[in-house]
C-alpha atoms as a PDB file:
ATOM      1  CA  MET A   1     -52.732  12.488 -11.004  1.00  0.00           C
ATOM      2  CA  SER A   2     -53.424   9.437 -13.010  1.00  0.00           C
ATOM      3  CA  GLU A   3     -52.821   5.973 -11.657  1.00  0.00           C
ATOM      4  CA  THR A   4     -49.922   5.346 -14.014  1.00  0.00           C
ATOM      5  CA  GLY A   5     -48.136   8.389 -12.555  1.00  0.00           C
ATOM      6  CA  ARG A   6     -47.818   6.749  -9.167  1.00  0.00           C
ATOM      7  CA  PHE A   7     -45.558   3.945 -10.314  1.00  0.00           C
ATOM      8  CA  ILE A   8     -42.016   4.140 -11.587  1.00  0.00           C
ATOM      9  CA  GLU A   9     -41.609   2.652 -14.996  1.00  0.00           C
ATOM     10  CA  VAL A  10     -38.443   0.587 -15.329  1.00  0.00           C
ATOM     11  CA  GLU A  11     -36.986  -0.292 -18.695  1.00  0.00           C
ATOM     12  CA  LYS A  12     -36.641  -3.921 -19.572  1.00  0.00           C
ATOM     13  CA  MET A  13     -33.317  -5.510 -18.610  1.00  0.00           C
ATOM     14  CA  SER A  14     -31.305  -8.116 -20.418  1.00  0.00           C
ATOM     15  CA  VAL A  15     -30.134 -11.284 -18.687  1.00  0.00           C
ATOM     16  CA  ASP A  16     -26.548 -10.060 -18.339  1.00  0.00           C
ATOM     17  CA  GLN A  17     -27.719  -6.810 -16.718  1.00  0.00           C
ATOM     18  CA  LEU A  18     -29.848  -8.789 -14.262  1.00  0.00           C
ATOM     19  CA  ALA A  19     -26.900 -11.054 -13.458  1.00  0.00           C
ATOM     20  CA  GLY A  20     -24.658  -8.021 -12.926  1.00  0.00           C
ATOM     21  CA  ALA A  21     -27.175  -6.438 -10.566  1.00  0.00           C
ATOM     22  CA  PHE A  22     -27.451  -9.689  -8.607  1.00  0.00           C
ATOM     23  CA  VAL A  23     -23.652  -9.966  -8.306  1.00  0.00           C
ATOM     24  CA  MET A  24     -23.356  -6.365  -7.101  1.00  0.00           C
ATOM     25  CA  ILE A  25     -26.050  -6.824  -4.464  1.00  0.00           C
ATOM     26  CA  ALA A  26     -24.565 -10.134  -3.281  1.00  0.00           C
ATOM     27  CA  GLY A  27     -21.100  -8.534  -3.086  1.00  0.00           C
ATOM     28  CA  ALA A  28     -22.408  -5.628  -1.023  1.00  0.00           C
ATOM     29  CA  ILE A  29     -24.143  -7.966   1.413  1.00  0.00           C
ATOM     30  CA  GLY A  30     -21.052 -10.191   1.601  1.00  0.00           C
ATOM     31  CA  SER A  31     -18.707  -7.303   2.297  1.00  0.00           C
ATOM     32  CA  LEU A  32     -21.032  -6.020   5.029  1.00  0.00           C
ATOM     33  CA  LEU A  33     -21.088  -9.464   6.668  1.00  0.00           C
ATOM     34  CA  LEU A  34     -17.291  -9.660   6.396  1.00  0.00           C
ATOM     35  CA  VAL A  35     -16.841  -6.330   8.170  1.00  0.00           C
ATOM     36  CA  ILE A  36     -19.187  -7.422  10.940  1.00  0.00           C
ATOM     37  CA  TRP A  37     -17.453 -10.788  11.297  1.00  0.00           C
ATOM     38  CA  GLN A  38     -13.939  -9.300  11.437  1.00  0.00           C
ATOM     39  CA  SER A  39     -14.891  -6.795  14.110  1.00  0.00           C
ATOM     40  CA  LYS A  40     -13.937  -7.613  17.691  1.00  0.00           C
ATOM     41  CA  CYS A  41     -17.386  -6.896  19.074  1.00  0.00           C
ATOM     42  CA  HIS A  42     -19.985  -9.449  20.104  1.00  0.00           C
ATOM     43  CA  CYS A  43     -22.028 -10.428  17.091  1.00  0.00           C
ATOM     44  CA  LYS A  44     -24.374 -13.231  16.220  1.00  0.00           C
ATOM     45  CA  MET A  45     -25.274 -13.889  12.596  1.00  0.00           C
ATOM     46  CA  ASN A  46     -28.188 -15.963  11.410  1.00  0.00           C
ATOM     47  CA  LEU A  47     -28.531 -16.519   7.691  1.00  0.00           C
ATOM     48  CA  CYS A  48     -32.163 -17.414   7.032  1.00  0.00           C
ATOM     49  CA  TYR A  49     -32.076 -20.052   9.756  1.00  0.00           C
ATOM     50  CA  ILE A  50     -29.653 -22.112   7.650  1.00  0.00           C
ATOM     51  CA  PHE A  51     -26.650 -21.516   9.897  1.00  0.00           C
ATOM     52  CA  SER A  52     -25.927 -19.383  12.918  1.00  0.00           C
ATOM     53  CA  CYS A  53     -22.547 -17.992  13.957  1.00  0.00           C
ATOM     54  CA  GLU A  54     -21.467 -16.180  17.079  1.00  0.00           C
ATOM     55  CA  ARG A  55     -18.301 -14.217  17.724  1.00  0.00           C
ATOM     56  CA  ARG A  56     -17.225 -12.914  21.093  1.00  0.00           C
ATOM     57  CA  PRO A  57     -14.512 -10.358  21.871  1.00  0.00           C
ATOM     58  CA  PRO A  58     -11.126 -11.786  22.864  1.00  0.00           C
ATOM     59  CA  ASN A  59     -10.490 -12.541  26.526  1.00  0.00           C
ATOM     60  CA  GLU A  60      -7.523 -11.223  28.533  1.00  0.00           C
ATOM     61  CA  GLU A  61      -5.184 -14.063  27.558  1.00  0.00           C
ATOM     62  CA  GLU A  62      -5.820 -13.515  23.855  1.00  0.00           C
ATOM     63  CA  MET A  63      -5.300  -9.770  24.308  1.00  0.00           C
ATOM     64  CA  LYS A  64      -1.909 -10.412  25.953  1.00  0.00           C
ATOM     65  CA  SER A  65      -0.841 -12.703  23.131  1.00  0.00           C
ATOM     66  CA  LEU A  66      -1.971 -10.113  20.558  1.00  0.00           C
ATOM     67  CA  LYS A  67       0.022  -7.442  22.389  1.00  0.00           C
ATOM     68  CA  ASN A  68       3.134  -9.642  22.374  1.00  0.00           C
ATOM     69  CA  GLN A  69       2.699 -10.358  18.676  1.00  0.00           C
ATOM     70  CA  ALA A  70       2.455  -6.629  17.974  1.00  0.00           C
ATOM     71  CA  LYS A  71       5.669  -5.971  19.919  1.00  0.00           C
ATOM     72  CA  GLU A  72       7.532  -8.722  18.045  1.00  0.00           C
ATOM     73  CA  LEU A  73       6.316  -7.409  14.715  1.00  0.00           C
ATOM     74  CA  LYS A  74       7.459  -3.898  15.633  1.00  0.00           C
ATOM     75  CA  LYS A  75      10.921  -5.194  16.601  1.00  0.00           C
ATOM     76  CA  LYS A  76      11.223  -7.062  13.293  1.00  0.00           C
ATOM     77  CA  THR A  77      10.316  -3.994  11.263  1.00  0.00           C
ATOM     78  CA  GLU A  78      12.803  -1.824  13.185  1.00  0.00           C
ATOM     79  CA  LYS A  79      15.515  -4.440  12.664  1.00  0.00           C
ATOM     80  CA  ASN A  80      14.768  -4.582   8.925  1.00  0.00           C
ATOM     81  CA  LYS A  81      14.917  -0.783   8.678  1.00  0.00           C
ATOM     82  CA  LYS A  82      18.313  -0.723  10.405  1.00  0.00           C
ATOM     83  CA  GLU A  83      19.656  -3.410   8.078  1.00  0.00           C
ATOM     84  CA  GLU A  84      18.460  -1.488   5.022  1.00  0.00           C
ATOM     85  CA  GLU A  85      20.079   1.723   6.278  1.00  0.00           C
ATOM     86  CA  GLU A  86      23.374  -0.122   6.864  1.00  0.00           C
ATOM     87  CA  GLN A  87      23.258  -1.571   3.354  1.00  0.00           C
ATOM     88  CA  GLN A  88      22.615   1.870   1.870  1.00  0.00           C
ATOM     89  CA  GLU A  89      25.553   3.327   3.816  1.00  0.00           C
ATOM     90  CA  LYS A  90      27.831   0.542   2.562  1.00  0.00           C
ATOM     91  CA  GLN A  91      26.703   1.162  -1.009  1.00  0.00           C
ATOM     92  CA  THR A  92      27.391   4.894  -0.770  1.00  0.00           C
ATOM     93  CA  GLN A  93      30.817   4.208   0.751  1.00  0.00           C
ATOM     94  CA  ASN A  94      31.603   1.788  -2.067  1.00  0.00           C
ATOM     95  CA  LEU A  95      30.540   4.369  -4.647  1.00  0.00           C
ATOM     96  CA  ASP A  96      32.695   7.030  -2.984  1.00  0.00           C
ATOM     97  CA  ASP A  97      35.680   4.666  -2.996  1.00  0.00           C
ATOM     98  CA  VAL A  98      35.202   3.859  -6.669  1.00  0.00           C
ATOM     99  CA  GLU A  99      34.902   7.547  -7.567  1.00  0.00           C
ATOM    100  CA  SER A 100      38.059   8.411  -5.676  1.00  0.00           C
ATOM    101  CA  GLN A 101      40.006   5.646  -7.459  1.00  0.00           C
ATOM    102  CA  GLN A 102      38.867   6.769 -10.898  1.00  0.00           C
ATOM    103  CA  SER A 103      40.620  10.075 -11.318  1.00  0.00           C
ATOM    104  CA  LEU A 104      40.945  11.301 -14.882  1.00  0.00           C
ATOM    105  CA  SER A 105      44.219  12.562 -16.214  1.00  0.00           C
ATOM    106  CA  ARG A 106      44.252  15.531 -18.590  1.00  0.00           C
ATOM    107  CA  THR A 107      47.475  14.791 -20.405  1.00  0.00           C
ATOM    108  CA  ASN A 108      45.898  14.371 -23.836  1.00  0.00           C
ATOM    109  CA  SER A 109      43.484  17.259 -23.670  1.00  0.00           C
ATOM    110  CA  ILE A 110      43.149  19.790 -26.475  1.00  0.00           C
ATOM    111  CA  LYS A 111      43.374  23.511 -25.837  1.00  0.00           C
ATOM    112  CA  ILE A 112      40.781  25.702 -27.505  1.00  0.00           C
ATOM    113  CA  LYS A 113      42.064  29.169 -28.287  1.00  0.00           C
ATOM    114  CA  GLU A 114      38.655  30.858 -28.106  1.00  0.00           C
ATOM    115  CA  LEU A 115      38.164  29.744 -24.527  1.00  0.00           C
ATOM    116  CA  GLU A 116      41.616  30.729 -23.318  1.00  0.00           C
ATOM    117  CA  THR A 117      41.836  34.039 -21.552  1.00  0.00           C
ATOM    118  CA  GLU A 118      44.071  36.602 -23.100  1.00  0.00           C
ATOM    119  CA  PRO A 119      46.970  37.828 -20.987  1.00  0.00           C
ATOM    120  CA  ASN A 120      46.407  41.131 -19.286  1.00  0.00           C
ATOM    121  CA  PRO A 121      48.677  43.806 -20.922  1.00  0.00           C
ATOM    122  CA  SER A 122      48.293  46.119 -17.960  1.00  0.00           C
ATOM    123  CA  VAL A 123      49.998  43.749 -15.558  1.00  0.00           C
END
């Protein structure tokens, strides 16, 4: 093999392509750091010795408060579902009442001879 075969030749990039590549790489690194930071595990981040952050898992008191918040949220959602079901039932009852009040009379209807059944001569 020749020495030029060992290296990968990359085509020249424009400035906007370079900027796009930089933004994509920075976004990937940022999203990875965000996932690590939002996790409840013990983590310590050091960004090039500029700043250092540490996150510890919640203690028992925080866990109890989180559990209570989850219960309250569940109660609120169940209450909202019940209210929506009641509103839907009221709407269907109102529609049924309106339909029952609007009965059509057939006093001015026209008879079509082709659709009328002929009397049975055998009867």
